[in-house]
């Protein structure tokens, strides 16, 4: 999928929105003009809603593989 800006004068496809769409979400390998047309306000609302449900996993730190942590007793443990 990809997000494109559009110059086509078409209404936003979200319910109860009457603004002109400025963005189009296109699925690769599908019809050229098919897609979801959204205005900027609806696009930001969709982004915020998806961001609250889908949180990306942080990558592993490749530089500091061994982290030494101290227990309360003063012993050191090497964690990988």
C-alpha atoms as a PDB file:
ATOM      1  CA  UNK A   1       0.000   0.000   0.000  1.00  0.00           C
ATOM      2  CA  UNK A   2       1.087   3.531  -0.523  1.00  0.00           C
ATOM      3  CA  UNK A   3      -0.187   7.038   0.121  1.00  0.00           C
ATOM      4  CA  UNK A   4      -0.368   9.544  -2.733  1.00  0.00           C
ATOM      5  CA  UNK A   5      -1.479  13.125  -3.049  1.00  0.00           C
ATOM      6  CA  UNK A   6      -4.258  13.521  -5.578  1.00  0.00           C
ATOM      7  CA  UNK A   7      -5.348  16.355  -7.841  1.00  0.00           C
ATOM      8  CA  UNK A   8      -8.743  14.811  -8.599  1.00  0.00           C
ATOM      9  CA  UNK A   9     -11.656  16.847  -7.256  1.00  0.00           C
ATOM     10  CA  UNK A  10     -13.511  14.184  -5.331  1.00  0.00           C
ATOM     11  CA  UNK A  11     -15.176  14.187  -1.915  1.00  0.00           C
ATOM     12  CA  UNK A  12     -13.628  12.482   1.078  1.00  0.00           C
ATOM     13  CA  UNK A  13     -15.004   8.960   1.444  1.00  0.00           C
ATOM     14  CA  UNK A  14     -15.388   9.024   5.222  1.00  0.00           C
ATOM     15  CA  UNK A  15     -19.001   9.122   6.433  1.00  0.00           C
ATOM     16  CA  UNK A  16     -20.352  12.619   7.233  1.00  0.00           C
ATOM     17  CA  UNK A  17     -17.328  14.380   5.729  1.00  0.00           C
ATOM     18  CA  UNK A  18     -17.969  16.811   2.884  1.00  0.00           C
ATOM     19  CA  UNK A  19     -14.415  18.068   2.346  1.00  0.00           C
ATOM     20  CA  UNK A  20     -12.441  17.606  -0.872  1.00  0.00           C
ATOM     21  CA  UNK A  21     -10.010  14.663  -0.732  1.00  0.00           C
ATOM     22  CA  UNK A  22      -6.329  15.502  -1.012  1.00  0.00           C
ATOM     23  CA  UNK A  23      -4.873  12.031  -0.420  1.00  0.00           C
ATOM     24  CA  UNK A  24      -5.447   8.606  -1.908  1.00  0.00           C
ATOM     25  CA  UNK A  25      -4.509   5.256  -0.352  1.00  0.00           C
ATOM     26  CA  UNK A  26      -3.672   2.807  -3.138  1.00  0.00           C
ATOM     27  CA  UNK A  27      -3.090  -0.934  -2.929  1.00  0.00           C
ATOM     28  CA  UNK A  28      -0.393  -2.094  -5.347  1.00  0.00           C
ATOM     29  CA  UNK A  29      -1.493  -4.531  -8.029  1.00  0.00           C
ATOM     30  CA  UNK A  30      -5.059  -3.259  -8.126  1.00  0.00           C
ATOM     31  CA  UNK A  31      -6.879  -0.917 -10.507  1.00  0.00           C
ATOM     32  CA  UNK A  32      -5.025   2.333 -11.208  1.00  0.00           C
ATOM     33  CA  UNK A  33      -7.784   4.750 -10.173  1.00  0.00           C
ATOM     34  CA  UNK A  34      -9.169   2.612  -7.359  1.00  0.00           C
ATOM     35  CA  UNK A  35      -8.308   3.612  -3.821  1.00  0.00           C
ATOM     36  CA  UNK A  36      -9.544   5.290  -0.697  1.00  0.00           C
ATOM     37  CA  UNK A  37      -9.812   9.079  -1.031  1.00  0.00           C
ATOM     38  CA  UNK A  38      -9.374  11.036   2.209  1.00  0.00           C
ATOM     39  CA  UNK A  39      -9.079  14.675   3.203  1.00  0.00           C
ATOM     40  CA  UNK A  40      -6.222  15.801   5.456  1.00  0.00           C
ATOM     41  CA  UNK A  41      -8.374  15.956   8.608  1.00  0.00           C
ATOM     42  CA  UNK A  42      -9.746  12.435   8.174  1.00  0.00           C
ATOM     43  CA  UNK A  43      -6.298  11.098   7.309  1.00  0.00           C
ATOM     44  CA  UNK A  44      -4.847  12.475  10.559  1.00  0.00           C
ATOM     45  CA  UNK A  45      -7.759  11.015  12.556  1.00  0.00           C
ATOM     46  CA  UNK A  46      -7.210   7.597  10.965  1.00  0.00           C
ATOM     47  CA  UNK A  47      -3.477   7.890  11.681  1.00  0.00           C
ATOM     48  CA  UNK A  48      -4.070   8.737  15.354  1.00  0.00           C
ATOM     49  CA  UNK A  49      -6.597   5.929  15.766  1.00  0.00           C
ATOM     50  CA  UNK A  50      -4.320   3.329  14.184  1.00  0.00           C
ATOM     51  CA  UNK A  51      -1.363   4.617  16.175  1.00  0.00           C
ATOM     52  CA  UNK A  52      -3.211   4.085  19.441  1.00  0.00           C
ATOM     53  CA  UNK A  53      -3.896   0.427  18.555  1.00  0.00           C
ATOM     54  CA  UNK A  54      -0.761  -0.558  16.647  1.00  0.00           C
ATOM     55  CA  UNK A  55       2.526   0.253  18.350  1.00  0.00           C
ATOM     56  CA  UNK A  56       5.732  -0.669  16.489  1.00  0.00           C
ATOM     57  CA  UNK A  57       8.219  -2.888  18.297  1.00  0.00           C
ATOM     58  CA  UNK A  58      11.555  -1.233  18.959  1.00  0.00           C
ATOM     59  CA  UNK A  59      14.597  -2.871  17.323  1.00  0.00           C
ATOM     60  CA  UNK A  60      17.220  -4.665  19.361  1.00  0.00           C
ATOM     61  CA  UNK A  61      20.239  -2.592  20.304  1.00  0.00           C
ATOM     62  CA  UNK A  62      23.118  -4.049  18.295  1.00  0.00           C
ATOM     63  CA  UNK A  63      25.829  -1.913  19.957  1.00  0.00           C
ATOM     64  CA  UNK A  64      25.209  -2.828  23.592  1.00  0.00           C
ATOM     65  CA  UNK A  65      24.432  -6.541  23.528  1.00  0.00           C
ATOM     66  CA  UNK A  66      25.595  -7.250  27.071  1.00  0.00           C
ATOM     67  CA  UNK A  67      23.901  -5.190  29.703  1.00  0.00           C
ATOM     68  CA  UNK A  68      25.088  -5.542  33.246  1.00  0.00           C
ATOM     69  CA  UNK A  69      22.475  -5.071  35.896  1.00  0.00           C
ATOM     70  CA  UNK A  70      22.966  -5.092  39.624  1.00  0.00           C
ATOM     71  CA  UNK A  71      20.668  -6.939  41.946  1.00  0.00           C
ATOM     72  CA  UNK A  72      19.773  -5.501  45.285  1.00  0.00           C
ATOM     73  CA  UNK A  73      22.338  -7.806  46.948  1.00  0.00           C
ATOM     74  CA  UNK A  74      25.181  -6.287  44.920  1.00  0.00           C
ATOM     75  CA  UNK A  75      25.671  -9.226  42.513  1.00  0.00           C
ATOM     76  CA  UNK A  76      26.128  -8.557  38.800  1.00  0.00           C
ATOM     77  CA  UNK A  77      24.211 -10.461  36.160  1.00  0.00           C
ATOM     78  CA  UNK A  78      25.054 -10.385  32.457  1.00  0.00           C
ATOM     79  CA  UNK A  79      21.827 -10.403  30.430  1.00  0.00           C
ATOM     80  CA  UNK A  80      21.776 -11.050  26.688  1.00  0.00           C
END
